Amino acid sequence: MEGLSYEDARSRLVEIVTRLEQGSIPLEEALRLWEAGERLARHCQAWLDGARERLAAAQAETDGQRSQTRASGPSGGSRADGEEPEEDALGELT
């Protein structure tokens, strides 16, 4: 199951749930399907947990970069009065 994508695992899990909900399968097969469904559910949860961790790491990295940008300003420095520099009619920063 290690090489199985999240989408494929979820699709298989949906198929198993559908078959189990039909209720017309022998008990032994239902148990086998239930066990396979549990494995697929754990696999999907592991994918989601990994994705959540990656998103949190990316968010933390982005937040760190934003706070550095705010501290130094977009031009690498900030004005003494705390205002952002503006362009005058000639396109020069004031």
N, C-alpha and C. Protein backbone atom coordinates (compact mmCIF):
# COMPACT_ATOMS: atom_id res chain seq x y z
N MET A 1 0.81 -1.20 0.00
CA MET A 1 0.00 0.00 0.00
C MET A 1 0.86 1.26 0.00
N GLU A 2 2.14 1.09 0.21
CA GLU A 2 3.03 2.25 0.34
C GLU A 2 3.06 3.13 -0.90
N GLY A 3 3.02 2.54 -2.08
CA GLY A 3 3.08 3.33 -3.30
C GLY A 3 1.72 3.83 -3.77
N LEU A 4 0.68 3.55 -3.00
CA LEU A 4 -0.68 3.92 -3.38
C LEU A 4 -0.94 5.39 -3.09
N SER A 5 -1.42 6.11 -4.10
CA SER A 5 -1.71 7.53 -3.89
C SER A 5 -2.93 7.69 -2.99
N TYR A 6 -3.07 8.89 -2.45
CA TYR A 6 -4.24 9.18 -1.61
C TYR A 6 -5.53 8.98 -2.41
N GLU A 7 -5.55 9.49 -3.62
CA GLU A 7 -6.76 9.41 -4.44
C GLU A 7 -7.15 7.97 -4.74
N ASP A 8 -6.16 7.14 -5.07
CA ASP A 8 -6.45 5.73 -5.35
C ASP A 8 -6.92 5.00 -4.10
N ALA A 9 -6.28 5.27 -2.98
CA ALA A 9 -6.67 4.63 -1.72
C ALA A 9 -8.09 5.04 -1.33
N ARG A 10 -8.39 6.31 -1.48
CA ARG A 10 -9.73 6.80 -1.13
C ARG A 10 -10.78 6.18 -2.05
N SER A 11 -10.46 6.07 -3.33
CA SER A 11 -11.39 5.46 -4.28
C SER A 11 -11.67 4.01 -3.92
N ARG A 12 -10.63 3.27 -3.58
CA ARG A 12 -10.82 1.87 -3.17
C ARG A 12 -11.65 1.79 -1.89
N LEU A 13 -11.39 2.71 -0.97
CA LEU A 13 -12.14 2.73 0.28
C LEU A 13 -13.63 2.99 0.02
N VAL A 14 -13.93 3.91 -0.86
CA VAL A 14 -15.33 4.20 -1.22
C VAL A 14 -15.99 2.96 -1.82
N GLU A 15 -15.26 2.25 -2.67
CA GLU A 15 -15.81 1.02 -3.26
C GLU A 15 -16.12 -0.02 -2.18
N ILE A 16 -15.22 -0.15 -1.22
CA ILE A 16 -15.43 -1.12 -0.14
C ILE A 16 -16.64 -0.73 0.69
N VAL A 17 -16.74 0.53 1.05
CA VAL A 17 -17.88 0.99 1.85
C VAL A 17 -19.19 0.74 1.10
N THR A 18 -19.19 1.01 -0.18
CA THR A 18 -20.39 0.78 -1.00
C THR A 18 -20.79 -0.69 -0.97
N ARG A 19 -19.81 -1.57 -1.13
CA ARG A 19 -20.11 -3.02 -1.10
C ARG A 19 -20.61 -3.45 0.26
N LEU A 20 -19.99 -2.92 1.32
CA LEU A 20 -20.43 -3.30 2.67
C LEU A 20 -21.84 -2.79 2.95
N GLU A 21 -22.16 -1.61 2.46
CA GLU A 21 -23.49 -1.04 2.70
C GLU A 21 -24.58 -1.80 1.95
N GLN A 22 -24.23 -2.48 0.87
CA GLN A 22 -25.22 -3.27 0.13
C GLN A 22 -25.75 -4.42 0.98
N GLY A 23 -24.87 -4.95 1.84
CA GLY A 23 -25.29 -5.97 2.79
C GLY A 23 -25.58 -7.35 2.21
N SER A 24 -25.29 -7.59 0.97
CA SER A 24 -25.63 -8.88 0.36
C SER A 24 -24.41 -9.77 0.16
N ILE A 25 -23.35 -9.55 0.94
CA ILE A 25 -22.14 -10.36 0.79
C ILE A 25 -21.99 -11.26 2.01
N PRO A 26 -21.35 -12.42 1.84
CA PRO A 26 -21.15 -13.33 2.96
C PRO A 26 -20.30 -12.69 4.07
N LEU A 27 -20.49 -13.16 5.27
CA LEU A 27 -19.83 -12.59 6.44
C LEU A 27 -18.31 -12.61 6.30
N GLU A 28 -17.74 -13.71 5.84
CA GLU A 28 -16.29 -13.80 5.70
C GLU A 28 -15.76 -12.74 4.75
N GLU A 29 -16.43 -12.54 3.64
CA GLU A 29 -16.01 -11.51 2.68
C GLU A 29 -16.19 -10.11 3.28
N ALA A 30 -17.26 -9.92 4.03
CA ALA A 30 -17.50 -8.63 4.67
C ALA A 30 -16.38 -8.31 5.67
N LEU A 31 -15.94 -9.31 6.42
CA LEU A 31 -14.84 -9.10 7.37
C LEU A 31 -13.55 -8.77 6.64
N ARG A 32 -13.30 -9.49 5.54
CA ARG A 32 -12.10 -9.23 4.75
C ARG A 32 -12.13 -7.80 4.19
N LEU A 33 -13.28 -7.40 3.68
CA LEU A 33 -13.42 -6.04 3.15
C LEU A 33 -13.26 -5.00 4.26
N TRP A 34 -13.83 -5.28 5.42
CA TRP A 34 -13.71 -4.35 6.55
C TRP A 34 -12.24 -4.14 6.92
N GLU A 35 -11.50 -5.23 7.00
CA GLU A 35 -10.08 -5.13 7.34
C GLU A 35 -9.31 -4.35 6.28
N ALA A 36 -9.60 -4.62 5.02
CA ALA A 36 -8.95 -3.87 3.94
C ALA A 36 -9.32 -2.39 4.03
N GLY A 37 -10.58 -2.12 4.34
CA GLY A 37 -11.03 -0.73 4.49
C GLY A 37 -10.32 -0.02 5.63
N GLU A 38 -10.10 -0.72 6.72
CA GLU A 38 -9.37 -0.12 7.85
C GLU A 38 -7.94 0.23 7.44
N ARG A 39 -7.29 -0.67 6.71
CA ARG A 39 -5.92 -0.39 6.24
C ARG A 39 -5.91 0.82 5.31
N LEU A 40 -6.88 0.87 4.40
CA LEU A 40 -6.96 2.00 3.48
C LEU A 40 -7.25 3.31 4.22
N ALA A 41 -8.11 3.25 5.22
CA ALA A 41 -8.42 4.45 5.99
C ALA A 41 -7.18 4.96 6.72
N ARG A 42 -6.39 4.05 7.30
CA ARG A 42 -5.14 4.46 7.96
C ARG A 42 -4.16 5.06 6.96
N HIS A 43 -4.10 4.45 5.77
CA HIS A 43 -3.22 4.96 4.72
C HIS A 43 -3.63 6.38 4.32
N CYS A 44 -4.93 6.58 4.12
CA CYS A 44 -5.43 7.92 3.76
C CYS A 44 -5.14 8.92 4.87
N GLN A 45 -5.34 8.51 6.12
CA GLN A 45 -5.09 9.42 7.24
C GLN A 45 -3.61 9.79 7.32
N ALA A 46 -2.73 8.83 7.05
CA ALA A 46 -1.30 9.13 7.05
C ALA A 46 -0.96 10.14 5.96
N TRP A 47 -1.56 10.00 4.78
CA TRP A 47 -1.35 10.98 3.70
C TRP A 47 -1.82 12.36 4.15
N LEU A 48 -3.01 12.43 4.74
CA LEU A 48 -3.56 13.72 5.17
C LEU A 48 -2.70 14.34 6.27
N ASP A 49 -2.24 13.52 7.21
CA ASP A 49 -1.37 14.04 8.27
C ASP A 49 -0.08 14.60 7.69
N GLY A 50 0.50 13.88 6.73
CA GLY A 50 1.72 14.36 6.08
C GLY A 50 1.49 15.65 5.33
N ALA A 51 0.37 15.74 4.64
CA ALA A 51 0.04 16.97 3.90
C ALA A 51 -0.15 18.13 4.87
N ARG A 52 -0.81 17.87 5.99
CA ARG A 52 -1.03 18.92 7.00
C ARG A 52 0.30 19.43 7.55
N GLU A 53 1.23 18.51 7.80
CA GLU A 53 2.55 18.90 8.30
C GLU A 53 3.30 19.74 7.26
N ARG A 54 3.23 19.33 6.01
CA ARG A 54 3.90 20.10 4.94
C ARG A 54 3.31 21.49 4.81
N LEU A 55 1.99 21.59 4.89
CA LEU A 55 1.34 22.90 4.80
C LEU A 55 1.72 23.78 5.99
N ALA A 56 1.78 23.20 7.17
CA ALA A 56 2.16 23.97 8.35
C ALA A 56 3.59 24.47 8.23
N ALA A 57 4.49 23.63 7.72
CA ALA A 57 5.88 24.04 7.54
C ALA A 57 5.98 25.15 6.50
N ALA A 58 5.24 25.01 5.41
CA ALA A 58 5.26 26.05 4.37
C ALA A 58 4.69 27.35 4.90
N GLN A 59 3.62 27.26 5.70
CA GLN A 59 3.00 28.45 6.28
C GLN A 59 3.97 29.14 7.23
N ALA A 60 4.65 28.35 8.05
CA ALA A 60 5.62 28.93 8.99
C ALA A 60 6.75 29.61 8.25
N GLU A 61 7.20 29.00 7.17
CA GLU A 61 8.27 29.60 6.36
C GLU A 61 7.79 30.90 5.73
N THR A 62 6.59 30.89 5.19
CA THR A 62 6.02 32.09 4.57
C THR A 62 5.82 33.19 5.61
N ASP A 63 5.31 32.83 6.78
CA ASP A 63 5.11 33.81 7.85
C ASP A 63 6.43 34.42 8.29
N GLY A 64 7.48 33.60 8.35
CA GLY A 64 8.80 34.10 8.72
C GLY A 64 9.34 35.07 7.69
N GLN A 65 9.12 34.77 6.43
CA GLN A 65 9.57 35.67 5.36
C GLN A 65 8.78 36.96 5.37
N ARG A 66 7.48 36.88 5.65
CA ARG A 66 6.65 38.09 5.71
C ARG A 66 7.10 39.01 6.84
N SER A 67 7.40 38.42 8.00
CA SER A 67 7.79 39.27 9.12
C SER A 67 9.14 39.92 8.86
N GLN A 68 10.04 39.24 8.14
CA GLN A 68 11.32 39.85 7.78
C GLN A 68 11.10 40.98 6.79
N THR A 69 10.19 40.79 5.84
CA THR A 69 9.90 41.82 4.84
C THR A 69 9.29 43.04 5.51
N ARG A 70 8.36 42.83 6.44
CA ARG A 70 7.74 43.95 7.13
C ARG A 70 8.75 44.71 7.97
N ALA A 71 9.70 44.01 8.57
CA ALA A 71 10.68 44.66 9.43
C ALA A 71 11.63 45.53 8.62
N SER A 72 11.99 45.09 7.42
CA SER A 72 12.96 45.85 6.64
C SER A 72 12.31 46.71 5.57
N GLY A 73 11.05 46.50 5.30
CA GLY A 73 10.36 47.26 4.26
C GLY A 73 10.67 46.68 2.90
N PRO A 74 9.90 47.03 1.90
CA PRO A 74 10.08 46.43 0.57
C PRO A 74 11.37 46.83 -0.10
N SER A 75 11.96 47.97 0.26
CA SER A 75 13.20 48.41 -0.40
C SER A 75 14.43 48.09 0.43
N GLY A 76 14.25 47.30 1.47
CA GLY A 76 15.39 46.92 2.29
C GLY A 76 15.61 47.87 3.46
N GLY A 77 14.83 48.89 3.57
CA GLY A 77 14.95 49.82 4.69
C GLY A 77 13.62 50.47 4.94
N SER A 78 13.50 51.18 6.04
CA SER A 78 12.25 51.86 6.31
C SER A 78 12.54 53.31 6.62
N ARG A 79 11.55 54.15 6.42
CA ARG A 79 11.71 55.57 6.68
C ARG A 79 11.63 55.82 8.17
N ALA A 80 12.25 56.91 8.58
CA ALA A 80 12.28 57.25 10.00
C ALA A 80 10.88 57.52 10.54
N ASP A 81 9.99 58.07 9.71
CA ASP A 81 8.64 58.39 10.19
C ASP A 81 7.70 57.19 10.13
N GLY A 82 8.20 56.03 9.70
CA GLY A 82 7.40 54.82 9.66
C GLY A 82 6.49 54.72 8.46
N GLU A 83 6.46 55.74 7.62
CA GLU A 83 5.62 55.74 6.42
C GLU A 83 6.33 55.01 5.29
N GLU A 84 5.53 54.42 4.41
CA GLU A 84 6.09 53.77 3.23
C GLU A 84 6.49 54.84 2.23
N PRO A 85 7.61 54.68 1.53
CA PRO A 85 8.00 55.66 0.51
C PRO A 85 6.98 55.69 -0.62
N GLU A 86 6.78 56.86 -1.20
CA GLU A 86 5.86 57.03 -2.32
C GLU A 86 6.62 57.61 -3.49
N GLU A 87 6.11 57.37 -4.70
CA GLU A 87 6.73 57.94 -5.89
C GLU A 87 6.15 59.32 -6.15
N ASP A 88 7.03 60.26 -6.52
CA ASP A 88 6.54 61.59 -6.91
C ASP A 88 6.20 61.57 -8.40
N ALA A 89 5.88 62.72 -8.97
CA ALA A 89 5.47 62.81 -10.37
C ALA A 89 6.55 62.32 -11.32
N LEU A 90 7.81 62.37 -10.92
CA LEU A 90 8.91 61.93 -11.77
C LEU A 90 9.26 60.45 -11.55
N GLY A 91 8.52 59.79 -10.68
CA GLY A 91 8.77 58.38 -10.41
C GLY A 91 9.87 58.15 -9.40
N GLU A 92 10.29 59.21 -8.70
CA GLU A 92 11.32 59.06 -7.69
C GLU A 92 10.67 58.85 -6.34
N LEU A 93 11.31 58.05 -5.51
CA LEU A 93 10.78 57.78 -4.18
C LEU A 93 10.99 58.99 -3.29
N THR A 94 9.96 59.31 -2.51
CA THR A 94 10.05 60.44 -1.57
C THR A 94 9.95 59.93 -0.16
